[in-house]
Amino acid sequence: MSKQPLTAEEKREKSDESLAFITIAVVLFPLLSVILIGGYGFIVWMLQLFVFGPPGHG
């Protein structure tokens, strides 16, 4: 069972997949995490400001 050398098309596909993985892991996941956590914090802040009041206020 010898491994066949990669063709030019397979090398390009592998490179594209690696670039997509790096983009998702380094850019997309951290950005989505910041957006989701910041959005949750903003919602809690607005609810405290307009609806429920600050925690422990009586």
PDB file of N, CA and C in Angstrom:
ATOM      1  N   MET A   1       0.828  -1.186   0.000  1.00  0.00           N
ATOM      2  CA  MET A   1       0.000   0.000   0.000  1.00  0.00           C
ATOM      3  C   MET A   1       0.872   1.248   0.000  1.00  0.00           C
ATOM      4  N   SER A   2       1.240   1.682  -1.142  1.00  0.00           N
ATOM      5  CA  SER A   2       2.037   2.908  -1.205  1.00  0.00           C
ATOM      6  C   SER A   2       1.115   4.099  -1.401  1.00  0.00           C
ATOM      7  N   LYS A   3       1.489   5.175  -0.787  1.00  0.00           N
ATOM      8  CA  LYS A   3       0.685   6.398  -0.877  1.00  0.00           C
ATOM      9  C   LYS A   3       1.011   7.097  -2.187  1.00  0.00           C
ATOM     10  N   GLN A   4      -0.035   7.441  -2.915  1.00  0.00           N
ATOM     11  CA  GLN A   4       0.140   8.147  -4.185  1.00  0.00           C
ATOM     12  C   GLN A   4       0.512   9.605  -3.903  1.00  0.00           C
ATOM     13  N   PRO A   5       1.409  10.170  -4.682  1.00  0.00           N
ATOM     14  CA  PRO A   5       1.721  11.590  -4.498  1.00  0.00           C
ATOM     15  C   PRO A   5       0.497  12.448  -4.830  1.00  0.00           C
ATOM     16  N   LEU A   6       0.411  13.564  -4.139  1.00  0.00           N
ATOM     17  CA  LEU A   6      -0.724  14.461  -4.349  1.00  0.00           C
ATOM     18  C   LEU A   6      -0.614  15.160  -5.697  1.00  0.00           C
ATOM     19  N   THR A   7      -1.739  15.276  -6.355  1.00  0.00           N
ATOM     20  CA  THR A   7      -1.768  16.034  -7.602  1.00  0.00           C
ATOM     21  C   THR A   7      -1.836  17.517  -7.262  1.00  0.00           C
ATOM     22  N   ALA A   8      -1.665  18.354  -8.265  1.00  0.00           N
ATOM     23  CA  ALA A   8      -1.712  19.802  -8.056  1.00  0.00           C
ATOM     24  C   ALA A   8      -3.082  20.225  -7.530  1.00  0.00           C
ATOM     25  N   GLU A   9      -4.135  19.602  -8.039  1.00  0.00           N
ATOM     26  CA  GLU A   9      -5.496  19.932  -7.585  1.00  0.00           C
ATOM     27  C   GLU A   9      -5.682  19.546  -6.118  1.00  0.00           C
ATOM     28  N   GLU A  10      -5.182  18.381  -5.726  1.00  0.00           N
ATOM     29  CA  GLU A  10      -5.306  17.938  -4.338  1.00  0.00           C
ATOM     30  C   GLU A  10      -4.500  18.834  -3.399  1.00  0.00           C
ATOM     31  N   LYS A  11      -3.326  19.268  -3.847  1.00  0.00           N
ATOM     32  CA  LYS A  11      -2.522  20.186  -3.037  1.00  0.00           C
ATOM     33  C   LYS A  11      -3.259  21.505  -2.834  1.00  0.00           C
ATOM     34  N   ARG A  12      -3.903  22.008  -3.895  1.00  0.00           N
ATOM     35  CA  ARG A  12      -4.641  23.267  -3.797  1.00  0.00           C
ATOM     36  C   ARG A  12      -5.827  23.116  -2.852  1.00  0.00           C
ATOM     37  N   GLU A  13      -6.551  21.990  -2.956  1.00  0.00           N
ATOM     38  CA  GLU A  13      -7.694  21.745  -2.069  1.00  0.00           C
ATOM     39  C   GLU A  13      -7.247  21.649  -0.611  1.00  0.00           C
ATOM     40  N   LYS A  14      -6.127  20.969  -0.385  1.00  0.00           N
ATOM     41  CA  LYS A  14      -5.609  20.841   0.974  1.00  0.00           C
ATOM     42  C   LYS A  14      -5.215  22.204   1.522  1.00  0.00           C
ATOM     43  N   SER A  15      -4.600  23.021   0.691  1.00  0.00           N
ATOM     44  CA  SER A  15      -4.223  24.372   1.101  1.00  0.00           C
ATOM     45  C   SER A  15      -5.455  25.209   1.415  1.00  0.00           C
ATOM     46  N   ASP A  16      -6.490  25.095   0.576  1.00  0.00           N
ATOM     47  CA  ASP A  16      -7.730  25.841   0.811  1.00  0.00           C
ATOM     48  C   ASP A  16      -8.397  25.402   2.111  1.00  0.00           C
ATOM     49  N   GLU A  17      -8.404  24.105   2.377  1.00  0.00           N
ATOM     50  CA  GLU A  17      -9.010  23.597   3.607  1.00  0.00           C
ATOM     51  C   GLU A  17      -8.233  24.071   4.828  1.00  0.00           C
ATOM     52  N   SER A  18      -6.912  24.077   4.728  1.00  0.00           N
ATOM     53  CA  SER A  18      -6.091  24.554   5.846  1.00  0.00           C
ATOM     54  C   SER A  18      -6.358  26.031   6.114  1.00  0.00           C
ATOM     55  N   LEU A  19      -6.441  26.823   5.060  1.00  0.00           N
ATOM     56  CA  LEU A  19      -6.723  28.248   5.211  1.00  0.00           C
ATOM     57  C   LEU A  19      -8.108  28.466   5.821  1.00  0.00           C
ATOM     58  N   ALA A  20      -9.078  27.692   5.402  1.00  0.00           N
ATOM     59  CA  ALA A  20     -10.430  27.808   5.962  1.00  0.00           C
ATOM     60  C   ALA A  20     -10.426  27.452   7.449  1.00  0.00           C
ATOM     61  N   PHE A  21      -9.724  26.402   7.824  1.00  0.00           N
ATOM     62  CA  PHE A  21      -9.652  26.008   9.233  1.00  0.00           C
ATOM     63  C   PHE A  21      -8.995  27.090  10.074  1.00  0.00           C
ATOM     64  N   ILE A  22      -7.872  27.617   9.599  1.00  0.00           N
ATOM     65  CA  ILE A  22      -7.168  28.671  10.342  1.00  0.00           C
ATOM     66  C   ILE A  22      -8.064  29.895  10.489  1.00  0.00           C
ATOM     67  N   THR A  23      -8.766  30.259   9.423  1.00  0.00           N
ATOM     68  CA  THR A  23      -9.659  31.417   9.476  1.00  0.00           C
ATOM     69  C   THR A  23     -10.760  31.200  10.501  1.00  0.00           C
ATOM     70  N   ILE A  24     -11.354  30.028  10.499  1.00  0.00           N
ATOM     71  CA  ILE A  24     -12.429  29.742  11.451  1.00  0.00           C
ATOM     72  C   ILE A  24     -11.889  29.720  12.879  1.00  0.00           C
ATOM     73  N   ALA A  25     -10.768  29.053  13.099  1.00  0.00           N
ATOM     74  CA  ALA A  25     -10.235  28.884  14.447  1.00  0.00           C
ATOM     75  C   ALA A  25      -9.666  30.177  15.019  1.00  0.00           C
ATOM     76  N   VAL A  26      -9.021  30.992  14.191  1.00  0.00           N
ATOM     77  CA  VAL A  26      -8.322  32.174  14.694  1.00  0.00           C
ATOM     78  C   VAL A  26      -9.188  33.425  14.633  1.00  0.00           C
ATOM     79  N   VAL A  27     -10.084  33.519  13.663  1.00  0.00           N
ATOM     80  CA  VAL A  27     -10.867  34.741  13.479  1.00  0.00           C
ATOM     81  C   VAL A  27     -12.319  34.547  13.883  1.00  0.00           C
ATOM     82  N   LEU A  28     -12.985  33.584  13.298  1.00  0.00           N
ATOM     83  CA  LEU A  28     -14.436  33.479  13.439  1.00  0.00           C
ATOM     84  C   LEU A  28     -14.871  33.103  14.857  1.00  0.00           C
ATOM     85  N   PHE A  29     -14.300  32.050  15.448  1.00  0.00           N
ATOM     86  CA  PHE A  29     -14.727  31.625  16.782  1.00  0.00           C
ATOM     87  C   PHE A  29     -14.471  32.694  17.845  1.00  0.00           C
ATOM     88  N   PRO A  30     -13.282  33.294  17.904  1.00  0.00           N
ATOM     89  CA  PRO A  30     -13.094  34.355  18.906  1.00  0.00           C
ATOM     90  C   PRO A  30     -14.020  35.549  18.686  1.00  0.00           C
ATOM     91  N   LEU A  31     -14.235  35.930  17.443  1.00  0.00           N
ATOM     92  CA  LEU A  31     -15.114  37.058  17.156  1.00  0.00           C
ATOM     93  C   LEU A  31     -16.550  36.751  17.572  1.00  0.00           C
ATOM     94  N   LEU A  32     -17.036  35.567  17.238  1.00  0.00           N
ATOM     95  CA  LEU A  32     -18.387  35.184  17.646  1.00  0.00           C
ATOM     96  C   LEU A  32     -18.510  35.096  19.165  1.00  0.00           C
ATOM     97  N   SER A  33     -17.477  34.632  19.833  1.00  0.00           N
ATOM     98  CA  SER A  33     -17.508  34.556  21.294  1.00  0.00           C
ATOM     99  C   SER A  33     -17.642  35.940  21.909  1.00  0.00           C
ATOM    100  N   VAL A  34     -16.855  36.881  21.431  1.00  0.00           N
ATOM    101  CA  VAL A  34     -16.924  38.249  21.950  1.00  0.00           C
ATOM    102  C   VAL A  34     -18.293  38.853  21.676  1.00  0.00           C
ATOM    103  N   ILE A  35     -18.824  38.651  20.482  1.00  0.00           N
ATOM    104  CA  ILE A  35     -20.132  39.204  20.127  1.00  0.00           C
ATOM    105  C   ILE A  35     -21.231  38.600  21.001  1.00  0.00           C
ATOM    106  N   LEU A  36     -21.223  37.287  21.174  1.00  0.00           N
ATOM    107  CA  LEU A  36     -22.270  36.635  21.965  1.00  0.00           C
ATOM    108  C   LEU A  36     -22.201  37.020  23.440  1.00  0.00           C
ATOM    109  N   ILE A  37     -21.011  37.011  24.015  1.00  0.00           N
ATOM    110  CA  ILE A  37     -20.872  37.354  25.429  1.00  0.00           C
ATOM    111  C   ILE A  37     -21.168  38.833  25.648  1.00  0.00           C
ATOM    112  N   GLY A  38     -20.689  39.686  24.748  1.00  0.00           N
ATOM    113  CA  GLY A  38     -20.999  41.111  24.846  1.00  0.00           C
ATOM    114  C   GLY A  38     -22.479  41.384  24.677  1.00  0.00           C
ATOM    115  N   GLY A  39     -23.119  40.685  23.754  1.00  0.00           N
ATOM    116  CA  GLY A  39     -24.559  40.845  23.552  1.00  0.00           C
ATOM    117  C   GLY A  39     -25.350  40.409  24.766  1.00  0.00           C
ATOM    118  N   TYR A  40     -24.952  39.303  25.371  1.00  0.00           N
ATOM    119  CA  TYR A  40     -25.624  38.840  26.591  1.00  0.00           C
ATOM    120  C   TYR A  40     -25.465  39.869  27.706  1.00  0.00           C
ATOM    121  N   GLY A  41     -24.251  40.378  27.880  1.00  0.00           N
ATOM    122  CA  GLY A  41     -24.016  41.397  28.904  1.00  0.00           C
ATOM    123  C   GLY A  41     -24.838  42.651  28.655  1.00  0.00           C
ATOM    124  N   PHE A  42     -24.944  43.056  27.405  1.00  0.00           N
ATOM    125  CA  PHE A  42     -25.740  44.237  27.065  1.00  0.00           C
ATOM    126  C   PHE A  42     -27.214  44.012  27.378  1.00  0.00           C
ATOM    127  N   ILE A  43     -27.729  42.829  27.056  1.00  0.00           N
ATOM    128  CA  ILE A  43     -29.135  42.515  27.344  1.00  0.00           C
ATOM    129  C   ILE A  43     -29.387  42.543  28.852  1.00  0.00           C
ATOM    130  N   VAL A  44     -28.500  41.935  29.635  1.00  0.00           N
ATOM    131  CA  VAL A  44     -28.661  41.943  31.089  1.00  0.00           C
ATOM    132  C   VAL A  44     -28.614  43.374  31.611  1.00  0.00           C
ATOM    133  N   TRP A  45     -27.701  44.177  31.098  1.00  0.00           N
ATOM    134  CA  TRP A  45     -27.564  45.565  31.529  1.00  0.00           C
ATOM    135  C   TRP A  45     -28.840  46.355  31.232  1.00  0.00           C
ATOM    136  N   MET A  46     -29.383  46.196  30.031  1.00  0.00           N
ATOM    137  CA  MET A  46     -30.604  46.913  29.666  1.00  0.00           C
ATOM    138  C   MET A  46     -31.798  46.434  30.498  1.00  0.00           C
ATOM    139  N   LEU A  47     -31.874  45.133  30.773  1.00  0.00           N
ATOM    140  CA  LEU A  47     -32.952  44.628  31.622  1.00  0.00           C
ATOM    141  C   LEU A  47     -32.852  45.205  33.031  1.00  0.00           C
ATOM    142  N   GLN A  48     -31.638  45.297  33.560  1.00  0.00           N
ATOM    143  CA  GLN A  48     -31.464  45.888  34.879  1.00  0.00           C
ATOM    144  C   GLN A  48     -31.800  47.371  34.861  1.00  0.00           C
ATOM    145  N   LEU A  49     -31.481  48.039  33.795  1.00  0.00           N
ATOM    146  CA  LEU A  49     -31.712  49.474  33.703  1.00  0.00           C
ATOM    147  C   LEU A  49     -33.191  49.801  33.592  1.00  0.00           C
ATOM    148  N   PHE A  50     -33.935  49.040  32.795  1.00  0.00           N
ATOM    149  CA  PHE A  50     -35.312  49.400  32.485  1.00  0.00           C
ATOM    150  C   PHE A  50     -36.380  48.511  33.119  1.00  0.00           C
ATOM    151  N   VAL A  51     -36.063  47.293  33.499  1.00  0.00           N
ATOM    152  CA  VAL A  51     -37.106  46.364  33.928  1.00  0.00           C
ATOM    153  C   VAL A  51     -36.925  45.933  35.382  1.00  0.00           C
ATOM    154  N   PHE A  52     -35.840  45.278  35.688  1.00  0.00           N
ATOM    155  CA  PHE A  52     -35.695  44.618  36.981  1.00  0.00           C
ATOM    156  C   PHE A  52     -34.959  45.447  38.029  1.00  0.00           C
ATOM    157  N   GLY A  53     -34.188  46.401  37.647  1.00  0.00           N
ATOM    158  CA  GLY A  53     -33.362  47.147  38.589  1.00  0.00           C
ATOM    159  C   GLY A  53     -32.090  46.395  38.902  1.00  0.00           C
ATOM    160  N   PRO A  54     -31.165  47.056  39.589  1.00  0.00           N
ATOM    161  CA  PRO A  54     -29.893  46.403  39.897  1.00  0.00           C
ATOM    162  C   PRO A  54     -30.090  45.261  40.892  1.00  0.00           C
ATOM    163  N   PRO A  55     -29.171  44.317  40.921  1.00  0.00           N
ATOM    164  CA  PRO A  55     -29.313  43.197  41.844  1.00  0.00           C
ATOM    165  C   PRO A  55     -29.230  43.661  43.303  1.00  0.00           C
ATOM    166  N   GLY A  56     -30.069  43.106  44.144  1.00  0.00           N
ATOM    167  CA  GLY A  56     -30.046  43.401  45.571  1.00  0.00           C
ATOM    168  C   GLY A  56     -30.668  44.731  45.947  1.00  0.00           C
ATOM    169  N   HIS A  57     -31.532  45.280  45.122  1.00  0.00           N
ATOM    170  CA  HIS A  57     -32.095  46.609  45.402  1.00  0.00           C
ATOM    171  C   HIS A  57     -33.384  46.565  46.214  1.00  0.00           C
ATOM    172  N   GLY A  58     -33.659  45.527  46.898  1.00  0.00           N
ATOM    173  CA  GLY A  58     -34.794  45.554  47.805  1.00  0.00           C
ATOM    174  C   GLY A  58     -35.886  44.698  47.419  1.00  0.00           C
TER     175      GLY A  58
END
